[in-house]
Amino acid sequence: MNVIMRGMISAVVAGVALLTTSGTSHAGLDNELSLVDGKDRTLTIQQWDTFLNGVFPLDRNRLTREWFHSGRAKYIVAGPGADEFAGTLELGYQIGFPWSLGVGINFSYTTPNILLDDTQFPTAPPFIPTTLSIITPNLFPGVSISADLGNGPGIQEVATFSVDVSGPAGGVAVSNAHGTVTGAAGGVLLRPFARLISKDGDSVTTYGEPWNMN
């Protein structure tokens, strides 16, 4: 799978460290959904190991919600032409709030930990395994987004991370990505999602269970 950061930042990777993946205490398939696209391929998108850790906000403001997000998204393409698949993989949230005063969301990877999951390297030397996981070092610039969700009540959807993908399977993972919502009163619910979009416009999205950030 080839992955290129796109959207709000442009980054140059100074180097990578190769290592194998291991499970976490929250290991497991959380949710998945499949779609047969216009080329009769089955597109499957999955969320694994999702964990949102709500913490007391550092600004001590009762209208601020702060959390750390860990988890991974995987996709699988099966059927004719699966090897030629190309598209976009997105991670994000649906955010629900009772009412607000110009709610804003900030989301950042302040300590980047974005890895390519089960990436194939067909041209690697014989002494290197053909299936590797790559984790970006701290030299990789932090990814961040900010958005104004407007006045509540309401439900807003925000894509916090987007990568270009290709090949029949792959995934991305994040560890302790930092997020905040400011100006929200009465509690905040976060519903994480993962979305796979083909270059032809076919789209499949899987949604997780809501997490209460009260």
N, C-alpha and C. Protein backbone atom coordinates (compact mmCIF):
# COMPACT_ATOMS: atom_id res chain seq x y z
N MET A 1 0.85 -1.19 0.00
CA MET A 1 0.00 0.00 0.00
C MET A 1 0.88 1.23 0.00
N ASN A 2 0.60 2.14 -0.87
CA ASN A 2 1.31 3.40 -0.92
C ASN A 2 0.48 4.45 -0.21
N VAL A 3 1.13 5.20 0.67
CA VAL A 3 0.42 6.21 1.42
C VAL A 3 1.10 7.54 1.25
N ILE A 4 0.34 8.57 0.93
CA ILE A 4 0.87 9.92 0.76
C ILE A 4 0.02 10.85 1.60
N MET A 5 0.62 11.56 2.53
CA MET A 5 -0.13 12.53 3.32
C MET A 5 -0.64 13.61 2.40
N ARG A 6 -1.90 14.03 2.60
CA ARG A 6 -2.46 15.07 1.76
C ARG A 6 -3.39 15.91 2.60
N GLY A 7 -3.91 17.00 2.03
CA GLY A 7 -4.89 17.83 2.72
C GLY A 7 -4.25 19.09 3.20
N MET A 8 -4.19 19.26 4.52
CA MET A 8 -3.80 20.54 5.08
C MET A 8 -2.30 20.68 5.25
N ILE A 9 -1.54 19.58 5.09
CA ILE A 9 -0.10 19.70 5.29
C ILE A 9 0.63 19.05 4.14
N SER A 10 1.89 19.43 3.99
CA SER A 10 2.79 18.75 3.08
C SER A 10 4.01 18.40 3.88
N ALA A 11 4.39 17.13 3.87
CA ALA A 11 5.45 16.70 4.77
C ALA A 11 6.51 15.92 4.01
N VAL A 12 7.72 15.95 4.55
CA VAL A 12 8.82 15.17 4.02
C VAL A 12 9.30 14.25 5.13
N VAL A 13 9.36 12.96 4.85
CA VAL A 13 9.80 11.99 5.85
C VAL A 13 11.31 11.88 5.76
N ALA A 14 11.97 12.11 6.89
CA ALA A 14 13.42 12.06 6.89
C ALA A 14 13.94 10.64 6.98
N GLY A 15 13.14 9.73 7.49
CA GLY A 15 13.58 8.34 7.60
C GLY A 15 12.50 7.53 8.25
N VAL A 16 12.62 6.20 8.22
CA VAL A 16 11.64 5.33 8.83
C VAL A 16 12.35 4.24 9.60
N ALA A 17 11.64 3.71 10.60
CA ALA A 17 12.15 2.56 11.35
C ALA A 17 11.23 1.40 11.07
N LEU A 18 11.81 0.22 10.83
CA LEU A 18 11.02 -0.96 10.52
C LEU A 18 10.83 -1.77 11.78
N LEU A 19 9.56 -2.16 12.02
CA LEU A 19 9.27 -3.02 13.14
C LEU A 19 7.99 -3.77 12.91
N THR A 20 7.80 -4.85 13.69
CA THR A 20 6.61 -5.66 13.56
C THR A 20 5.53 -5.12 14.47
N THR A 21 4.27 -5.39 14.10
CA THR A 21 3.16 -4.92 14.90
C THR A 21 2.90 -5.87 16.04
N SER A 22 2.28 -5.36 17.09
CA SER A 22 1.88 -6.18 18.22
C SER A 22 0.54 -5.72 18.70
N GLY A 23 -0.20 -6.58 19.38
CA GLY A 23 -1.53 -6.25 19.86
C GLY A 23 -1.48 -5.34 21.07
N THR A 24 -2.62 -4.75 21.40
CA THR A 24 -2.73 -3.92 22.58
C THR A 24 -3.79 -4.50 23.48
N SER A 25 -3.96 -3.90 24.65
CA SER A 25 -4.95 -4.39 25.60
C SER A 25 -6.36 -4.19 25.09
N HIS A 26 -6.53 -3.39 24.02
CA HIS A 26 -7.85 -3.14 23.46
C HIS A 26 -7.98 -3.82 22.09
N ALA A 27 -7.16 -4.87 21.86
CA ALA A 27 -7.13 -5.49 20.55
C ALA A 27 -8.48 -6.09 20.20
N GLY A 28 -8.85 -5.95 18.92
CA GLY A 28 -10.07 -6.56 18.45
C GLY A 28 -10.72 -5.75 17.36
N LEU A 29 -11.51 -6.43 16.53
CA LEU A 29 -12.27 -5.77 15.48
C LEU A 29 -13.48 -5.11 16.11
N ASP A 30 -13.60 -3.79 15.94
CA ASP A 30 -14.71 -3.03 16.53
C ASP A 30 -15.93 -3.02 15.62
N ASN A 31 -15.73 -2.75 14.35
CA ASN A 31 -16.84 -2.68 13.41
C ASN A 31 -16.30 -2.72 11.99
N GLU A 32 -17.18 -3.10 11.05
CA GLU A 32 -16.78 -3.16 9.65
C GLU A 32 -18.01 -3.06 8.77
N LEU A 33 -17.79 -2.70 7.52
CA LEU A 33 -18.87 -2.62 6.55
C LEU A 33 -18.29 -2.88 5.17
N SER A 34 -19.08 -3.54 4.30
CA SER A 34 -18.63 -3.87 2.95
C SER A 34 -19.59 -3.29 1.92
N LEU A 35 -19.05 -3.07 0.73
CA LEU A 35 -19.81 -2.53 -0.39
C LEU A 35 -19.28 -3.14 -1.68
N VAL A 36 -20.18 -3.51 -2.59
CA VAL A 36 -19.77 -3.93 -3.93
C VAL A 36 -19.78 -2.70 -4.82
N ASP A 37 -18.62 -2.36 -5.37
CA ASP A 37 -18.52 -1.13 -6.14
C ASP A 37 -18.94 -1.34 -7.59
N GLY A 38 -18.78 -0.31 -8.39
CA GLY A 38 -19.20 -0.35 -9.77
C GLY A 38 -18.40 -1.29 -10.65
N LYS A 39 -17.26 -1.78 -10.14
CA LYS A 39 -16.44 -2.73 -10.89
C LYS A 39 -16.55 -4.14 -10.32
N ASP A 40 -17.60 -4.39 -9.53
CA ASP A 40 -17.87 -5.70 -8.92
C ASP A 40 -16.79 -6.13 -7.94
N ARG A 41 -16.07 -5.17 -7.38
CA ARG A 41 -15.13 -5.47 -6.31
C ARG A 41 -15.83 -5.26 -4.98
N THR A 42 -15.48 -6.07 -3.99
CA THR A 42 -16.02 -5.89 -2.63
C THR A 42 -15.05 -5.06 -1.82
N LEU A 43 -15.49 -3.87 -1.41
CA LEU A 43 -14.67 -2.98 -0.59
C LEU A 43 -15.09 -3.14 0.86
N THR A 44 -14.15 -3.47 1.73
CA THR A 44 -14.43 -3.64 3.16
C THR A 44 -13.58 -2.66 3.96
N ILE A 45 -14.20 -1.95 4.86
CA ILE A 45 -13.50 -1.01 5.74
C ILE A 45 -13.74 -1.44 7.18
N GLN A 46 -12.69 -1.40 8.00
CA GLN A 46 -12.77 -1.89 9.38
C GLN A 46 -12.13 -0.90 10.34
N GLN A 47 -12.63 -0.88 11.58
CA GLN A 47 -11.97 -0.18 12.68
C GLN A 47 -11.55 -1.20 13.73
N TRP A 48 -10.30 -1.09 14.17
CA TRP A 48 -9.74 -2.00 15.15
C TRP A 48 -9.19 -1.22 16.34
N ASP A 49 -9.27 -1.83 17.52
CA ASP A 49 -8.56 -1.36 18.72
C ASP A 49 -8.88 0.09 19.08
N THR A 50 -10.09 0.55 18.79
CA THR A 50 -10.43 1.95 19.04
C THR A 50 -10.49 2.23 20.53
N PHE A 51 -9.80 3.28 20.96
CA PHE A 51 -9.84 3.69 22.36
C PHE A 51 -9.72 5.20 22.44
N LEU A 52 -10.74 5.85 23.01
CA LEU A 52 -10.72 7.29 23.25
C LEU A 52 -10.64 7.51 24.75
N ASN A 53 -9.55 8.09 25.17
CA ASN A 53 -9.30 8.31 26.60
C ASN A 53 -9.60 9.76 26.95
N GLY A 54 -10.79 10.02 27.51
CA GLY A 54 -11.14 11.37 27.93
C GLY A 54 -10.40 11.77 29.19
N VAL A 55 -9.81 12.96 29.19
CA VAL A 55 -9.02 13.44 30.33
C VAL A 55 -9.52 14.81 30.77
N PHE A 56 -9.16 15.20 31.98
CA PHE A 56 -9.53 16.52 32.48
C PHE A 56 -8.78 17.57 31.66
N PRO A 57 -9.48 18.58 31.13
CA PRO A 57 -8.82 19.55 30.24
C PRO A 57 -7.78 20.39 30.97
N LEU A 58 -6.67 20.61 30.30
CA LEU A 58 -5.58 21.38 30.92
C LEU A 58 -5.96 22.83 31.16
N ASP A 59 -6.91 23.37 30.37
CA ASP A 59 -7.29 24.76 30.59
C ASP A 59 -8.30 24.92 31.72
N ARG A 60 -8.75 23.80 32.31
CA ARG A 60 -9.68 23.79 33.44
C ARG A 60 -11.01 24.49 33.12
N ASN A 61 -11.30 24.54 31.84
CA ASN A 61 -12.54 25.19 31.41
C ASN A 61 -13.64 24.14 31.33
N ARG A 62 -14.78 24.40 31.94
CA ARG A 62 -15.88 23.44 31.94
C ARG A 62 -16.51 23.27 30.55
N LEU A 63 -16.17 24.15 29.62
CA LEU A 63 -16.70 24.04 28.26
C LEU A 63 -15.71 23.38 27.30
N THR A 64 -14.61 22.84 27.84
CA THR A 64 -13.60 22.17 27.02
C THR A 64 -13.63 20.67 27.29
N ARG A 65 -13.52 19.89 26.22
CA ARG A 65 -13.37 18.44 26.32
C ARG A 65 -12.05 18.06 25.66
N GLU A 66 -11.31 17.19 26.31
CA GLU A 66 -9.98 16.81 25.83
C GLU A 66 -9.86 15.29 25.87
N TRP A 67 -9.22 14.71 24.85
CA TRP A 67 -9.08 13.26 24.81
C TRP A 67 -7.85 12.87 23.99
N PHE A 68 -7.49 11.60 24.13
CA PHE A 68 -6.42 10.99 23.33
C PHE A 68 -7.00 9.77 22.62
N HIS A 69 -6.70 9.67 21.32
CA HIS A 69 -7.31 8.65 20.47
C HIS A 69 -6.23 7.69 19.97
N SER A 70 -6.49 6.39 20.18
CA SER A 70 -5.64 5.35 19.61
C SER A 70 -6.51 4.36 18.86
N GLY A 71 -5.98 3.78 17.82
CA GLY A 71 -6.73 2.79 17.05
C GLY A 71 -6.17 2.66 15.65
N ARG A 72 -6.83 1.82 14.85
CA ARG A 72 -6.38 1.62 13.50
C ARG A 72 -7.57 1.38 12.57
N ALA A 73 -7.35 1.68 11.31
CA ALA A 73 -8.34 1.40 10.28
C ALA A 73 -7.68 0.53 9.22
N LYS A 74 -8.42 -0.49 8.77
CA LYS A 74 -7.91 -1.39 7.73
C LYS A 74 -8.92 -1.47 6.59
N TYR A 75 -8.41 -1.71 5.39
CA TYR A 75 -9.31 -1.91 4.26
C TYR A 75 -8.88 -3.16 3.50
N ILE A 76 -9.87 -3.80 2.87
CA ILE A 76 -9.63 -5.00 2.06
C ILE A 76 -10.45 -4.85 0.77
N VAL A 77 -9.82 -5.12 -0.35
CA VAL A 77 -10.50 -5.10 -1.64
C VAL A 77 -10.40 -6.50 -2.25
N ALA A 78 -11.54 -7.08 -2.60
CA ALA A 78 -11.57 -8.42 -3.18
C ALA A 78 -12.37 -8.39 -4.48
N GLY A 79 -11.92 -9.19 -5.44
CA GLY A 79 -12.63 -9.26 -6.71
C GLY A 79 -11.74 -8.89 -7.88
N PRO A 80 -12.32 -8.80 -9.08
CA PRO A 80 -11.53 -8.50 -10.28
C PRO A 80 -10.89 -7.11 -10.21
N GLY A 81 -9.60 -7.07 -10.48
CA GLY A 81 -8.89 -5.80 -10.47
C GLY A 81 -8.58 -5.26 -9.09
N ALA A 82 -8.60 -6.10 -8.06
CA ALA A 82 -8.33 -5.62 -6.69
C ALA A 82 -6.92 -5.04 -6.57
N ASP A 83 -5.97 -5.62 -7.30
CA ASP A 83 -4.58 -5.14 -7.22
C ASP A 83 -4.44 -3.72 -7.77
N GLU A 84 -5.35 -3.31 -8.63
CA GLU A 84 -5.27 -1.97 -9.22
C GLU A 84 -6.08 -0.94 -8.44
N PHE A 85 -6.61 -1.34 -7.29
CA PHE A 85 -7.43 -0.39 -6.52
C PHE A 85 -6.60 0.81 -6.08
N ALA A 86 -7.20 1.99 -6.14
CA ALA A 86 -6.59 3.22 -5.63
C ALA A 86 -7.70 4.11 -5.09
N GLY A 87 -7.42 4.77 -4.01
CA GLY A 87 -8.44 5.63 -3.42
C GLY A 87 -7.92 6.36 -2.20
N THR A 88 -8.84 6.67 -1.29
CA THR A 88 -8.53 7.46 -0.10
C THR A 88 -9.10 6.78 1.14
N LEU A 89 -8.31 6.78 2.20
CA LEU A 89 -8.76 6.26 3.50
C LEU A 89 -8.87 7.43 4.47
N GLU A 90 -10.03 7.58 5.09
CA GLU A 90 -10.26 8.69 6.02
C GLU A 90 -10.60 8.18 7.41
N LEU A 91 -10.15 8.91 8.42
CA LEU A 91 -10.55 8.71 9.81
C LEU A 91 -11.16 10.01 10.31
N GLY A 92 -12.13 9.90 11.20
CA GLY A 92 -12.74 11.11 11.74
C GLY A 92 -13.78 10.80 12.79
N TYR A 93 -14.61 11.82 13.08
CA TYR A 93 -15.63 11.70 14.11
C TYR A 93 -16.93 12.33 13.65
N GLN A 94 -18.04 11.79 14.14
CA GLN A 94 -19.27 12.53 14.25
C GLN A 94 -19.31 13.09 15.67
N ILE A 95 -19.56 14.39 15.79
CA ILE A 95 -19.51 15.07 17.09
C ILE A 95 -20.89 15.59 17.43
N GLY A 96 -21.43 15.17 18.54
CA GLY A 96 -22.74 15.62 18.99
C GLY A 96 -22.62 16.46 20.24
N PHE A 97 -23.37 17.59 20.29
CA PHE A 97 -23.33 18.47 21.46
C PHE A 97 -24.69 19.13 21.63
N PRO A 98 -25.17 19.28 22.89
CA PRO A 98 -26.50 19.85 23.14
C PRO A 98 -26.61 21.31 22.71
N TRP A 99 -25.63 22.12 23.09
CA TRP A 99 -25.61 23.51 22.65
C TRP A 99 -24.21 24.05 22.84
N SER A 100 -23.92 25.14 22.13
CA SER A 100 -22.56 25.66 22.17
C SER A 100 -22.55 27.14 21.82
N LEU A 101 -21.39 27.70 22.04
CA LEU A 101 -21.13 29.07 21.63
C LEU A 101 -19.96 29.03 20.65
N GLY A 102 -20.28 28.78 19.38
CA GLY A 102 -19.23 28.70 18.36
C GLY A 102 -18.24 27.61 18.64
N VAL A 103 -18.71 26.36 18.73
CA VAL A 103 -17.83 25.25 19.07
C VAL A 103 -16.71 25.12 18.05
N GLY A 104 -15.50 24.94 18.54
CA GLY A 104 -14.37 24.67 17.67
C GLY A 104 -13.75 23.34 18.07
N ILE A 105 -13.23 22.61 17.07
CA ILE A 105 -12.54 21.36 17.35
C ILE A 105 -11.09 21.49 16.90
N ASN A 106 -10.20 20.99 17.72
CA ASN A 106 -8.79 20.94 17.38
C ASN A 106 -8.34 19.49 17.51
N PHE A 107 -7.57 19.03 16.53
CA PHE A 107 -7.12 17.64 16.55
C PHE A 107 -5.71 17.61 16.01
N SER A 108 -4.82 16.95 16.74
CA SER A 108 -3.42 16.95 16.32
C SER A 108 -2.72 15.67 16.74
N TYR A 109 -1.69 15.31 15.97
CA TYR A 109 -0.79 14.24 16.34
C TYR A 109 0.47 14.91 16.89
N THR A 110 0.42 15.29 18.17
CA THR A 110 1.54 16.03 18.73
C THR A 110 2.77 15.15 18.90
N THR A 111 2.56 13.84 19.10
CA THR A 111 3.66 12.88 19.07
C THR A 111 3.31 11.88 17.98
N PRO A 112 3.68 12.15 16.74
CA PRO A 112 3.19 11.35 15.61
C PRO A 112 3.48 9.87 15.79
N ASN A 113 2.51 9.05 15.47
CA ASN A 113 2.67 7.60 15.48
C ASN A 113 1.73 7.05 14.44
N ILE A 114 2.03 7.32 13.17
CA ILE A 114 1.22 6.89 12.05
C ILE A 114 1.98 5.79 11.33
N LEU A 115 1.39 4.60 11.22
CA LEU A 115 2.14 3.53 10.60
C LEU A 115 1.37 2.92 9.43
N LEU A 116 2.13 2.38 8.49
CA LEU A 116 1.57 1.64 7.37
C LEU A 116 1.45 0.20 7.82
N ASP A 117 0.25 -0.36 7.73
CA ASP A 117 -0.01 -1.67 8.32
C ASP A 117 0.05 -2.76 7.26
N ASP A 118 0.90 -3.77 7.49
CA ASP A 118 1.04 -4.91 6.57
C ASP A 118 1.35 -4.44 5.15
N THR A 119 2.31 -3.53 5.05
CA THR A 119 2.68 -2.97 3.75
C THR A 119 3.55 -3.95 2.97
N GLN A 120 3.22 -4.14 1.70
CA GLN A 120 3.96 -5.07 0.85
C GLN A 120 5.15 -4.37 0.20
N PHE A 121 6.29 -5.03 0.19
CA PHE A 121 7.49 -4.52 -0.47
C PHE A 121 8.00 -5.59 -1.44
N PRO A 122 7.39 -5.71 -2.63
CA PRO A 122 7.77 -6.79 -3.55
C PRO A 122 9.20 -6.71 -4.06
N THR A 123 9.81 -5.52 -4.04
CA THR A 123 11.16 -5.37 -4.56
C THR A 123 12.23 -5.36 -3.47
N ALA A 124 11.85 -5.72 -2.24
CA ALA A 124 12.81 -5.72 -1.14
C ALA A 124 13.84 -6.82 -1.34
N PRO A 125 15.07 -6.64 -0.78
CA PRO A 125 16.09 -7.69 -0.87
C PRO A 125 15.61 -8.98 -0.21
N PRO A 126 16.17 -10.13 -0.60
CA PRO A 126 15.70 -11.42 -0.07
C PRO A 126 15.77 -11.54 1.43
N PHE A 127 16.73 -10.85 2.07
CA PHE A 127 16.89 -10.99 3.52
C PHE A 127 15.89 -10.15 4.31
N ILE A 128 15.05 -9.32 3.62
CA ILE A 128 14.05 -8.51 4.30
C ILE A 128 12.68 -9.13 4.05
N PRO A 129 11.87 -9.36 5.12
CA PRO A 129 10.53 -9.92 4.91
C PRO A 129 9.71 -9.05 3.96
N THR A 130 8.86 -9.69 3.15
CA THR A 130 8.06 -8.94 2.19
C THR A 130 6.87 -8.24 2.82
N THR A 131 6.50 -8.63 4.05
CA THR A 131 5.39 -7.97 4.75
C THR A 131 5.95 -7.27 5.99
N LEU A 132 5.93 -5.96 5.98
CA LEU A 132 6.50 -5.17 7.06
C LEU A 132 5.50 -4.13 7.52
N SER A 133 5.69 -3.64 8.73
CA SER A 133 4.95 -2.48 9.20
C SER A 133 5.95 -1.36 9.43
N ILE A 134 5.61 -0.16 8.95
CA ILE A 134 6.51 0.98 9.06
C ILE A 134 5.90 1.98 10.03
N ILE A 135 6.70 2.45 10.97
CA ILE A 135 6.23 3.48 11.89
C ILE A 135 7.07 4.72 11.68
N THR A 136 6.41 5.86 11.51
CA THR A 136 7.16 7.09 11.26
C THR A 136 7.86 7.55 12.53
N PRO A 137 9.06 8.07 12.43
CA PRO A 137 9.77 8.57 13.61
C PRO A 137 9.24 9.93 14.02
N ASN A 138 9.71 10.42 15.15
CA ASN A 138 9.26 11.73 15.64
C ASN A 138 9.72 12.88 14.76
N LEU A 139 10.62 12.61 13.80
CA LEU A 139 11.01 13.66 12.85
C LEU A 139 9.87 14.01 11.91
N PHE A 140 8.88 13.13 11.82
CA PHE A 140 7.73 13.41 10.95
C PHE A 140 6.91 14.54 11.55
N PRO A 141 6.59 15.58 10.79
CA PRO A 141 5.87 16.72 11.36
C PRO A 141 4.50 16.33 11.89
N GLY A 142 4.04 16.99 12.93
CA GLY A 142 2.73 16.73 13.49
C GLY A 142 1.62 17.13 12.54
N VAL A 143 0.57 16.32 12.51
CA VAL A 143 -0.60 16.60 11.69
C VAL A 143 -1.63 17.30 12.56
N SER A 144 -2.27 18.34 12.08
CA SER A 144 -3.26 19.03 12.90
C SER A 144 -4.36 19.59 12.02
N ILE A 145 -5.57 19.64 12.58
CA ILE A 145 -6.69 20.29 11.90
C ILE A 145 -7.45 21.10 12.93
N SER A 146 -8.15 22.10 12.48
CA SER A 146 -9.05 22.85 13.34
C SER A 146 -10.26 23.24 12.52
N ALA A 147 -11.42 23.23 13.15
CA ALA A 147 -12.65 23.55 12.43
C ALA A 147 -13.64 24.21 13.37
N ASP A 148 -14.42 25.12 12.84
CA ASP A 148 -15.49 25.77 13.60
C ASP A 148 -16.78 25.00 13.33
N LEU A 149 -17.34 24.39 14.38
CA LEU A 149 -18.55 23.59 14.21
C LEU A 149 -19.82 24.41 14.31
N GLY A 150 -19.69 25.70 14.59
CA GLY A 150 -20.87 26.57 14.65
C GLY A 150 -21.62 26.42 15.96
N ASN A 151 -22.78 27.08 16.03
CA ASN A 151 -23.60 27.04 17.24
C ASN A 151 -24.45 25.77 17.26
N GLY A 152 -24.63 25.22 18.46
CA GLY A 152 -25.42 24.01 18.62
C GLY A 152 -26.85 24.33 18.97
N PRO A 153 -27.69 23.30 19.22
CA PRO A 153 -27.27 21.90 19.23
C PRO A 153 -27.06 21.37 17.82
N GLY A 154 -26.43 20.20 17.76
CA GLY A 154 -26.25 19.63 16.44
C GLY A 154 -25.30 18.47 16.43
N ILE A 155 -25.16 17.88 15.25
CA ILE A 155 -24.21 16.80 15.00
C ILE A 155 -23.38 17.20 13.80
N GLN A 156 -22.09 17.19 13.97
CA GLN A 156 -21.18 17.55 12.89
C GLN A 156 -20.25 16.39 12.60
N GLU A 157 -19.83 16.27 11.35
CA GLU A 157 -18.87 15.24 10.97
C GLU A 157 -17.58 15.90 10.53
N VAL A 158 -16.47 15.46 11.10
CA VAL A 158 -15.17 16.05 10.81
C VAL A 158 -14.19 14.93 10.46
N ALA A 159 -13.58 14.99 9.29
CA ALA A 159 -12.52 14.06 8.92
C ALA A 159 -11.20 14.63 9.42
N THR A 160 -10.55 13.91 10.33
CA THR A 160 -9.34 14.42 10.96
C THR A 160 -8.07 13.94 10.28
N PHE A 161 -8.17 12.91 9.47
CA PHE A 161 -6.98 12.32 8.88
C PHE A 161 -7.35 11.71 7.54
N SER A 162 -6.55 11.93 6.50
CA SER A 162 -6.85 11.43 5.17
C SER A 162 -5.55 11.02 4.48
N VAL A 163 -5.53 9.81 3.91
CA VAL A 163 -4.34 9.34 3.20
C VAL A 163 -4.76 8.72 1.88
N ASP A 164 -3.88 8.79 0.90
CA ASP A 164 -4.07 8.09 -0.36
C ASP A 164 -3.57 6.66 -0.22
N VAL A 165 -4.35 5.70 -0.71
CA VAL A 165 -3.98 4.30 -0.59
C VAL A 165 -4.09 3.62 -1.95
N SER A 166 -3.38 2.49 -2.10
CA SER A 166 -3.48 1.70 -3.31
C SER A 166 -3.15 0.26 -2.98
N GLY A 167 -3.66 -0.67 -3.79
CA GLY A 167 -3.44 -2.08 -3.56
C GLY A 167 -4.66 -2.75 -2.95
N PRO A 168 -4.63 -4.07 -2.82
CA PRO A 168 -5.80 -4.82 -2.37
C PRO A 168 -6.06 -4.76 -0.87
N ALA A 169 -5.11 -4.29 -0.08
CA ALA A 169 -5.30 -4.26 1.38
C ALA A 169 -4.28 -3.32 2.00
N GLY A 170 -4.60 -2.83 3.17
CA GLY A 170 -3.68 -1.97 3.91
C GLY A 170 -4.38 -1.32 5.08
N GLY A 171 -3.71 -0.39 5.72
CA GLY A 171 -4.30 0.26 6.87
C GLY A 171 -3.40 1.33 7.44
N VAL A 172 -3.95 2.08 8.36
CA VAL A 172 -3.20 3.09 9.10
C VAL A 172 -3.54 2.96 10.57
N ALA A 173 -2.63 3.41 11.42
CA ALA A 173 -2.87 3.37 12.86
C ALA A 173 -2.39 4.67 13.50
N VAL A 174 -3.06 5.07 14.56
CA VAL A 174 -2.65 6.24 15.33
C VAL A 174 -2.55 5.86 16.80
N SER A 175 -1.66 6.51 17.51
CA SER A 175 -1.49 6.24 18.94
C SER A 175 -1.44 7.56 19.68
N ASN A 176 -2.38 7.73 20.62
CA ASN A 176 -2.43 8.92 21.47
C ASN A 176 -2.51 10.21 20.66
N ALA A 177 -3.29 10.21 19.59
CA ALA A 177 -3.58 11.45 18.87
C ALA A 177 -4.42 12.34 19.78
N HIS A 178 -4.09 13.61 19.85
CA HIS A 178 -4.68 14.53 20.82
C HIS A 178 -5.82 15.31 20.20
N GLY A 179 -6.97 15.35 20.87
CA GLY A 179 -8.11 16.11 20.37
C GLY A 179 -8.77 16.93 21.46
N THR A 180 -9.35 18.07 21.07
CA THR A 180 -10.10 18.91 22.01
C THR A 180 -11.33 19.48 21.31
N VAL A 181 -12.36 19.70 22.08
CA VAL A 181 -13.52 20.47 21.65
C VAL A 181 -13.71 21.58 22.67
N THR A 182 -13.84 22.81 22.20
CA THR A 182 -13.98 23.95 23.10
C THR A 182 -15.32 24.64 22.89
N GLY A 183 -15.86 25.18 23.97
CA GLY A 183 -17.09 25.95 23.88
C GLY A 183 -18.36 25.14 23.91
N ALA A 184 -18.28 23.83 24.25
CA ALA A 184 -19.46 22.97 24.26
C ALA A 184 -20.00 22.83 25.69
N ALA A 185 -21.29 23.02 25.83
CA ALA A 185 -21.93 22.88 27.14
C ALA A 185 -22.86 21.66 27.11
N GLY A 186 -22.95 20.99 28.25
CA GLY A 186 -23.89 19.89 28.38
C GLY A 186 -23.38 18.55 27.92
N GLY A 187 -22.10 18.43 27.61
CA GLY A 187 -21.54 17.15 27.22
C GLY A 187 -21.29 17.02 25.74
N VAL A 188 -20.37 16.14 25.39
CA VAL A 188 -19.98 15.90 24.00
C VAL A 188 -19.91 14.40 23.77
N LEU A 189 -20.50 13.94 22.66
CA LEU A 189 -20.39 12.55 22.23
C LEU A 189 -19.57 12.48 20.95
N LEU A 190 -18.64 11.54 20.90
CA LEU A 190 -17.80 11.33 19.72
C LEU A 190 -18.08 9.94 19.15
N ARG A 191 -18.39 9.87 17.87
CA ARG A 191 -18.58 8.59 17.19
C ARG A 191 -17.49 8.46 16.13
N PRO A 192 -16.45 7.66 16.36
CA PRO A 192 -15.37 7.54 15.39
C PRO A 192 -15.82 6.79 14.14
N PHE A 193 -15.27 7.18 12.99
CA PHE A 193 -15.59 6.49 11.75
C PHE A 193 -14.33 6.29 10.91
N ALA A 194 -14.42 5.31 10.01
CA ALA A 194 -13.39 5.09 9.00
C ALA A 194 -14.10 4.98 7.66
N ARG A 195 -13.52 5.59 6.63
CA ARG A 195 -14.18 5.64 5.32
C ARG A 195 -13.16 5.33 4.22
N LEU A 196 -13.59 4.48 3.28
CA LEU A 196 -12.79 4.16 2.12
C LEU A 196 -13.49 4.70 0.88
N ILE A 197 -12.77 5.50 0.10
CA ILE A 197 -13.32 6.11 -1.11
C ILE A 197 -12.44 5.71 -2.28
N SER A 198 -13.03 5.07 -3.30
CA SER A 198 -12.25 4.69 -4.47
C SER A 198 -12.05 5.91 -5.37
N LYS A 199 -11.08 5.83 -6.26
CA LYS A 199 -10.83 6.94 -7.18
C LYS A 199 -12.00 7.15 -8.14
N ASP A 200 -12.87 6.12 -8.26
CA ASP A 200 -14.05 6.24 -9.10
C ASP A 200 -15.25 6.83 -8.37
N GLY A 201 -15.09 7.10 -7.06
CA GLY A 201 -16.16 7.73 -6.30
C GLY A 201 -16.98 6.80 -5.43
N ASP A 202 -16.75 5.49 -5.49
CA ASP A 202 -17.45 4.57 -4.60
C ASP A 202 -16.96 4.78 -3.17
N SER A 203 -17.89 4.72 -2.21
CA SER A 203 -17.55 5.05 -0.83
C SER A 203 -18.25 4.09 0.13
N VAL A 204 -17.51 3.65 1.16
CA VAL A 204 -18.09 2.83 2.23
C VAL A 204 -17.53 3.33 3.56
N THR A 205 -18.43 3.49 4.54
CA THR A 205 -18.07 4.06 5.84
C THR A 205 -18.56 3.16 6.96
N THR A 206 -17.72 2.92 7.94
CA THR A 206 -18.13 2.18 9.12
C THR A 206 -18.03 3.10 10.34
N TYR A 207 -19.06 3.07 11.18
CA TYR A 207 -19.12 3.92 12.36
C TYR A 207 -19.01 3.08 13.63
N GLY A 208 -18.28 3.61 14.60
CA GLY A 208 -18.14 2.93 15.87
C GLY A 208 -19.20 3.37 16.86
N GLU A 209 -19.11 2.82 18.08
CA GLU A 209 -20.02 3.22 19.14
C GLU A 209 -19.66 4.61 19.66
N PRO A 210 -20.66 5.40 20.10
CA PRO A 210 -20.35 6.73 20.64
C PRO A 210 -19.54 6.65 21.93
N TRP A 211 -18.63 7.59 22.08
CA TRP A 211 -17.83 7.72 23.30
C TRP A 211 -18.24 9.02 23.99
N ASN A 212 -18.54 8.92 25.26
CA ASN A 212 -19.01 10.08 26.04
C ASN A 212 -17.83 10.82 26.60
N MET A 213 -17.68 12.09 26.22
CA MET A 213 -16.55 12.90 26.69
C MET A 213 -16.94 13.83 27.83
N ASN A 214 -18.01 13.52 28.55
CA ASN A 214 -18.42 14.35 29.69
C ASN A 214 -17.34 14.37 30.76
